[in-house]
Amino acid sequence: MIAGIGTDIVGVEDFERRLRRTAELKNFVFTPQEIAYCEAGRAPSVRFAARFAAKEALMKALGGGWDETASFKEIEIVNDESGKPSFRFHGRVAKRLSKDGTVAHLSLSHTDQYALAFAVVEK
């Protein structure tokens, strides 16, 4: 059963400025694996923006924002061998979602200007 859906769109140029302006933001939001993946590509800003949008979309699909029980880095965006993105959960978020058998699905899309994420949560 679908328990929630969420979407988010991020301006790539705006997000790139935020990352440059706030040095600690990258390490606050992204795992070391996400940072390595984004920086290895030809369009790092697009990749970072898409992953940020994915984390925001998931928060919306779960029905709320952040509180002290979750952090951005507990939600990791990974790609399989074919490039398909998906969520990998860590820490408190993994524990919370595994309690009731929650599964989350992810779709990402982007242009040079915008990154869009769509998340569906099933229980």
Protein backbone atom coordinates (compact mmCIF):
# COMPACT_ATOMS: atom_id res chain seq x y z
CA MET A 1 0.00 0.00 0.00
CA ILE A 2 1.28 3.48 -0.86
CA ALA A 3 1.89 5.34 2.38
CA GLY A 4 3.22 8.59 0.89
CA ILE A 5 4.59 10.39 -2.11
CA GLY A 6 6.95 13.34 -2.28
CA THR A 7 8.62 15.44 -4.90
CA ASP A 8 11.21 18.19 -4.83
CA ILE A 9 12.88 20.40 -7.41
CA VAL A 10 16.23 22.13 -6.86
CA GLY A 11 17.82 24.89 -8.91
CA VAL A 12 21.26 23.55 -9.82
CA GLU A 13 23.01 26.94 -9.93
CA ASP A 14 21.45 28.03 -6.64
CA PHE A 15 22.45 24.79 -4.92
CA GLU A 16 26.00 25.08 -6.30
CA ARG A 17 26.23 28.60 -4.80
CA ARG A 18 24.99 27.26 -1.44
CA LEU A 19 27.67 24.56 -1.47
CA ARG A 20 30.40 27.11 -2.27
CA ARG A 21 29.15 29.61 0.31
CA THR A 22 28.78 27.09 3.16
CA ALA A 23 31.77 24.76 3.17
CA GLU A 24 30.36 22.39 5.79
CA LEU A 25 27.04 21.91 3.96
CA LYS A 26 28.41 19.20 1.67
CA ASN A 27 29.63 17.07 4.57
CA PHE A 28 26.45 17.75 6.58
CA VAL A 29 24.10 16.55 3.82
CA PHE A 30 26.03 13.90 1.87
CA THR A 31 27.82 10.68 2.74
CA PRO A 32 31.47 10.25 1.66
CA GLN A 33 30.27 7.79 -1.03
CA GLU A 34 27.78 10.33 -2.40
CA ILE A 35 30.44 13.04 -2.48
CA ALA A 36 32.85 10.74 -4.34
CA TYR A 37 30.14 9.77 -6.84
CA CYS A 38 29.09 13.37 -7.49
CA GLU A 39 32.62 14.71 -7.83
CA ALA A 40 33.65 11.91 -10.22
CA GLY A 41 31.04 12.90 -12.81
CA ARG A 42 31.18 15.56 -15.48
CA ALA A 43 28.36 17.55 -13.85
CA PRO A 44 28.94 17.45 -10.08
CA SER A 45 26.49 20.29 -9.33
CA VAL A 46 23.64 18.46 -11.08
CA ARG A 47 24.41 15.26 -9.17
CA PHE A 48 24.55 17.03 -5.81
CA ALA A 49 21.31 18.91 -6.52
CA ALA A 50 19.51 15.71 -7.57
CA ARG A 51 20.59 13.90 -4.41
CA PHE A 52 19.51 16.79 -2.23
CA ALA A 53 16.12 16.84 -4.00
CA ALA A 54 15.80 13.09 -3.39
CA LYS A 55 16.36 13.47 0.34
CA GLU A 56 13.80 16.29 0.49
CA ALA A 57 11.27 14.27 -1.56
CA LEU A 58 11.63 11.34 0.81
CA MET A 59 11.03 13.57 3.83
CA LYS A 60 7.80 14.75 2.21
CA ALA A 61 6.76 11.18 1.36
CA LEU A 62 7.30 10.19 4.99
CA GLY A 63 4.98 12.99 6.05
CA GLY A 64 7.16 15.61 7.61
CA GLY A 65 10.42 17.38 7.97
CA TRP A 66 13.51 16.66 9.97
CA ASP A 67 13.69 16.36 13.71
CA GLU A 68 16.34 15.10 16.11
CA THR A 69 15.64 11.48 15.11
CA ALA A 70 17.06 11.72 11.58
CA SER A 71 19.90 13.27 9.64
CA PHE A 72 20.48 13.84 5.94
CA LYS A 73 23.40 11.43 5.92
CA GLU A 74 21.19 8.60 7.16
CA ILE A 75 19.52 8.73 3.73
CA GLU A 76 21.99 7.85 1.00
CA ILE A 77 21.32 7.88 -2.73
CA VAL A 78 23.05 5.06 -4.59
CA ASN A 79 23.02 3.83 -8.18
CA ASP A 80 22.98 0.23 -9.36
CA GLU A 81 25.15 -1.07 -12.22
CA SER A 82 22.69 0.24 -14.82
CA GLY A 83 22.58 3.70 -13.20
CA LYS A 84 19.16 3.35 -11.55
CA PRO A 85 19.03 5.45 -8.36
CA SER A 86 17.65 4.16 -5.09
CA PHE A 87 17.70 4.89 -1.38
CA ARG A 88 20.02 3.26 1.15
CA PHE A 89 19.13 3.95 4.78
CA HIS A 90 21.45 4.11 7.78
CA GLY A 91 21.18 4.55 11.53
CA ARG A 92 17.95 5.77 13.04
CA VAL A 93 16.21 6.13 9.67
CA ALA A 94 16.96 2.50 8.74
CA LYS A 95 15.71 1.32 12.12
CA ARG A 96 12.55 3.41 11.90
CA LEU A 97 11.65 2.27 8.37
CA SER A 98 12.47 -1.41 8.91
CA LYS A 99 10.06 -1.65 11.86
CA ASP A 100 7.00 -1.61 9.65
CA GLY A 101 8.44 -3.00 6.41
CA THR A 102 8.59 0.36 4.64
CA VAL A 103 10.02 0.38 1.12
CA ALA A 104 10.91 3.59 -0.73
CA HIS A 105 11.19 4.07 -4.49
CA LEU A 106 13.03 6.91 -6.22
CA SER A 107 13.07 8.58 -9.62
CA LEU A 108 15.46 11.40 -10.54
CA SER A 109 15.51 13.72 -13.53
CA HIS A 110 17.46 16.84 -14.40
CA THR A 111 18.40 19.49 -16.90
CA ASP A 112 21.39 21.78 -16.62
CA GLN A 113 19.23 24.20 -14.59
CA TYR A 114 17.03 21.95 -12.42
CA ALA A 115 17.11 18.61 -10.62
CA LEU A 116 13.86 16.85 -9.78
CA ALA A 117 13.21 13.90 -7.47
CA PHE A 118 10.08 11.83 -6.91
CA ALA A 119 9.77 9.41 -3.98
CA VAL A 120 7.09 6.83 -3.23
CA VAL A 121 6.87 5.13 0.16
CA GLU A 122 5.13 1.74 0.48
CA LYS A 123 4.15 -0.15 3.60
